[in-house]
């Protein structure tokens, strides 16, 4: 059963939440050590209980666009109707639940003006690039080339030494 935001899931009252939090903090401290702190030292123990800040608008935007471009780069070249429908739903839901309300509103306006094109990998990748460039223009940032070769190199093949996911 889903848990409402205001509702106790039961783990908190049983002590499981504290154990989970302690385990997470210990793992986080190992993965993200404090620069200059000795392993297991007082500084790393003190900061282990401090979680990182949530993403800000800029870092969330970079991560969001990276995800969307990468999904487009690995979308099938000849998607089935089911895959096309799924991608259309994914993009709409991504837009509807994006955490930044200004970005979300803008993305949904752009989506209504130019519905997502899901007929092929190239169509989706170009559509995504055009949406991203629209945001970049509004923010005064440089635009990216939206041709097949540039998109493939940036989001799938990468520079020399990069490897593909599939």
Protein backbone atom coordinates (compact mmCIF):
# COMPACT_ATOMS: atom_id res chain seq x y z
CA UNK A 1 0.00 0.00 0.00
CA UNK A 2 1.42 3.45 -0.90
CA UNK A 3 2.44 5.68 1.95
CA UNK A 4 1.18 9.25 2.13
CA UNK A 5 3.76 11.95 2.80
CA UNK A 6 2.25 12.63 6.23
CA UNK A 7 1.86 8.99 7.16
CA UNK A 8 4.30 6.85 9.15
CA UNK A 9 5.33 3.84 7.05
CA UNK A 10 5.99 1.74 10.14
CA UNK A 11 9.76 1.59 9.67
CA UNK A 12 10.22 4.78 11.65
CA UNK A 13 8.48 3.49 14.77
CA UNK A 14 10.25 0.12 14.60
CA UNK A 15 13.73 1.62 14.52
CA UNK A 16 14.32 0.43 10.94
CA UNK A 17 14.55 3.98 9.65
CA UNK A 18 17.47 4.80 11.96
CA UNK A 19 19.27 1.61 10.95
CA UNK A 20 18.66 2.37 7.27
CA UNK A 21 19.80 5.97 7.71
CA UNK A 22 22.97 4.86 9.51
CA UNK A 23 23.71 2.28 6.80
CA UNK A 24 23.12 4.86 4.07
CA UNK A 25 25.32 7.44 5.77
CA UNK A 26 28.12 4.91 6.24
CA UNK A 27 27.94 3.89 2.58
CA UNK A 28 27.74 7.54 1.48
CA UNK A 29 30.82 8.41 3.57
CA UNK A 30 32.78 5.62 1.87
CA UNK A 31 31.68 6.70 -1.60
CA UNK A 32 32.09 10.44 -1.04
CA UNK A 33 34.93 10.94 1.43
CA UNK A 34 35.66 14.39 2.78
CA UNK A 35 38.79 15.79 1.09
CA UNK A 36 41.71 15.74 3.50
CA UNK A 37 39.95 13.55 6.08
CA UNK A 38 41.58 10.28 7.06
CA UNK A 39 39.45 7.21 6.48
CA UNK A 40 37.41 6.64 9.60
CA UNK A 41 38.70 9.88 11.15
CA UNK A 42 36.66 12.35 13.15
CA UNK A 43 36.03 14.65 10.18
CA UNK A 44 34.63 11.87 7.98
CA UNK A 45 32.43 10.55 10.83
CA UNK A 46 31.08 14.02 11.50
CA UNK A 47 30.19 14.61 7.87
CA UNK A 48 28.82 11.10 7.30
CA UNK A 49 25.60 12.16 9.03
CA UNK A 50 25.21 15.15 6.69
CA UNK A 51 23.48 14.28 3.45
CA UNK A 52 24.30 16.20 0.27
CA UNK A 53 22.10 19.03 -0.86
CA UNK A 54 19.35 18.27 -3.36
CA UNK A 55 19.94 19.16 -6.98
CA UNK A 56 19.57 22.82 -7.87
CA UNK A 57 17.87 24.06 -11.02
CA UNK A 58 21.08 24.06 -13.08
CA UNK A 59 22.36 20.62 -12.06
CA UNK A 60 18.88 19.13 -12.35
CA UNK A 61 18.58 20.61 -15.85
CA UNK A 62 21.92 19.12 -16.93
CA UNK A 63 20.97 15.73 -15.52
CA UNK A 64 17.49 15.85 -17.04
CA UNK A 65 18.70 16.78 -20.50
CA UNK A 66 21.46 14.16 -20.31
CA UNK A 67 18.88 11.51 -19.49
CA UNK A 68 16.51 12.61 -22.25
CA UNK A 69 19.22 12.82 -24.91
CA UNK A 70 20.67 9.45 -23.90
CA UNK A 71 17.24 7.80 -23.95
CA UNK A 72 16.72 9.24 -27.44
CA UNK A 73 20.16 8.00 -28.58
CA UNK A 74 19.29 4.43 -27.54
CA UNK A 75 15.71 4.49 -28.80
CA UNK A 76 15.14 1.93 -31.57
CA UNK A 77 15.86 3.01 -35.13
CA UNK A 78 12.59 1.37 -36.18
CA UNK A 79 10.40 1.38 -33.06
CA UNK A 80 7.23 -0.68 -32.85
CA UNK A 81 3.91 1.05 -32.27
CA UNK A 82 4.09 -0.06 -28.64
CA UNK A 83 7.57 1.49 -28.27
CA UNK A 84 6.37 4.69 -29.92
CA UNK A 85 3.39 4.92 -27.58
CA UNK A 86 5.61 4.19 -24.58
CA UNK A 87 8.10 6.89 -25.51
CA UNK A 88 5.31 9.42 -26.03
CA UNK A 89 3.96 8.63 -22.57
CA UNK A 90 7.46 8.73 -21.04
CA UNK A 91 8.17 12.22 -22.42
CA UNK A 92 4.78 13.56 -21.33
CA UNK A 93 5.15 12.10 -17.83
CA UNK A 94 8.71 13.37 -17.55
CA UNK A 95 7.38 16.83 -18.35
CA UNK A 96 4.43 16.56 -15.96
CA UNK A 97 6.55 15.48 -13.00
CA UNK A 98 9.68 17.56 -13.56
CA UNK A 99 10.54 19.15 -10.18
CA UNK A 100 11.22 22.73 -11.35
CA UNK A 101 7.77 24.25 -11.91
CA UNK A 102 8.98 26.94 -14.33
CA UNK A 103 10.91 24.39 -16.38
CA UNK A 104 7.99 21.96 -16.25
CA UNK A 105 5.50 24.58 -17.42
CA UNK A 106 7.79 25.65 -20.26
CA UNK A 107 8.44 22.04 -21.33
CA UNK A 108 4.71 21.27 -21.39
CA UNK A 109 4.00 24.40 -23.47
CA UNK A 110 6.73 23.34 -25.91
CA UNK A 111 5.35 19.79 -25.97
CA UNK A 112 1.89 21.09 -26.90
CA UNK A 113 3.38 23.34 -29.61
CA UNK A 114 5.57 20.56 -31.01
CA UNK A 115 4.42 17.06 -30.00
CA UNK A 116 7.18 14.53 -29.48
CA UNK A 117 8.25 12.77 -32.67
CA UNK A 118 8.78 9.08 -32.01
CA UNK A 119 8.82 7.51 -35.50
CA UNK A 120 12.54 6.72 -35.32
CA UNK A 121 15.67 7.24 -33.24
CA UNK A 122 16.70 10.11 -35.50
CA UNK A 123 13.30 11.82 -35.24
CA UNK A 124 13.30 11.61 -31.45
CA UNK A 125 16.93 12.71 -31.12
CA UNK A 126 16.37 15.75 -33.36
CA UNK A 127 13.13 16.63 -31.57
CA UNK A 128 14.93 16.46 -28.23
CA UNK A 129 17.82 18.57 -29.54
CA UNK A 130 15.41 21.19 -30.87
CA UNK A 131 13.59 21.39 -27.50
CA UNK A 132 16.93 21.69 -25.68
CA UNK A 133 18.12 24.39 -28.07
CA UNK A 134 14.86 26.28 -27.49
CA UNK A 135 15.61 26.32 -23.76
CA UNK A 136 19.22 27.33 -24.42
CA UNK A 137 18.08 30.24 -26.60
CA UNK A 138 15.72 31.49 -23.87
CA UNK A 139 18.56 31.23 -21.33
CA UNK A 140 21.14 32.89 -23.59
CA UNK A 141 23.22 29.71 -23.86
CA UNK A 142 24.81 28.30 -27.01
CA UNK A 143 22.85 25.89 -29.19
CA UNK A 144 23.99 22.45 -30.29
CA UNK A 145 24.01 20.98 -33.80
CA UNK A 146 21.02 18.70 -34.32
CA UNK A 147 22.32 16.64 -37.24
CA UNK A 148 22.54 12.85 -37.00
CA UNK A 149 26.34 12.67 -36.84
CA UNK A 150 26.67 15.28 -34.08
CA UNK A 151 23.88 13.72 -32.02
CA UNK A 152 25.31 10.23 -32.34
CA UNK A 153 28.81 11.37 -31.42
CA UNK A 154 27.66 13.35 -28.38
CA UNK A 155 25.04 11.02 -26.92
CA UNK A 156 25.93 7.54 -28.12
CA UNK A 157 29.38 6.99 -29.64
CA UNK A 158 31.26 9.65 -27.73
CA UNK A 159 34.81 10.77 -28.39
CA UNK A 160 37.66 8.33 -28.94
CA UNK A 161 37.98 6.08 -25.90
CA UNK A 162 34.31 6.20 -24.93
CA UNK A 163 32.29 3.04 -25.01
CA UNK A 164 28.67 2.47 -25.93
CA UNK A 165 26.19 1.17 -23.38
CA UNK A 166 24.88 -1.64 -25.57
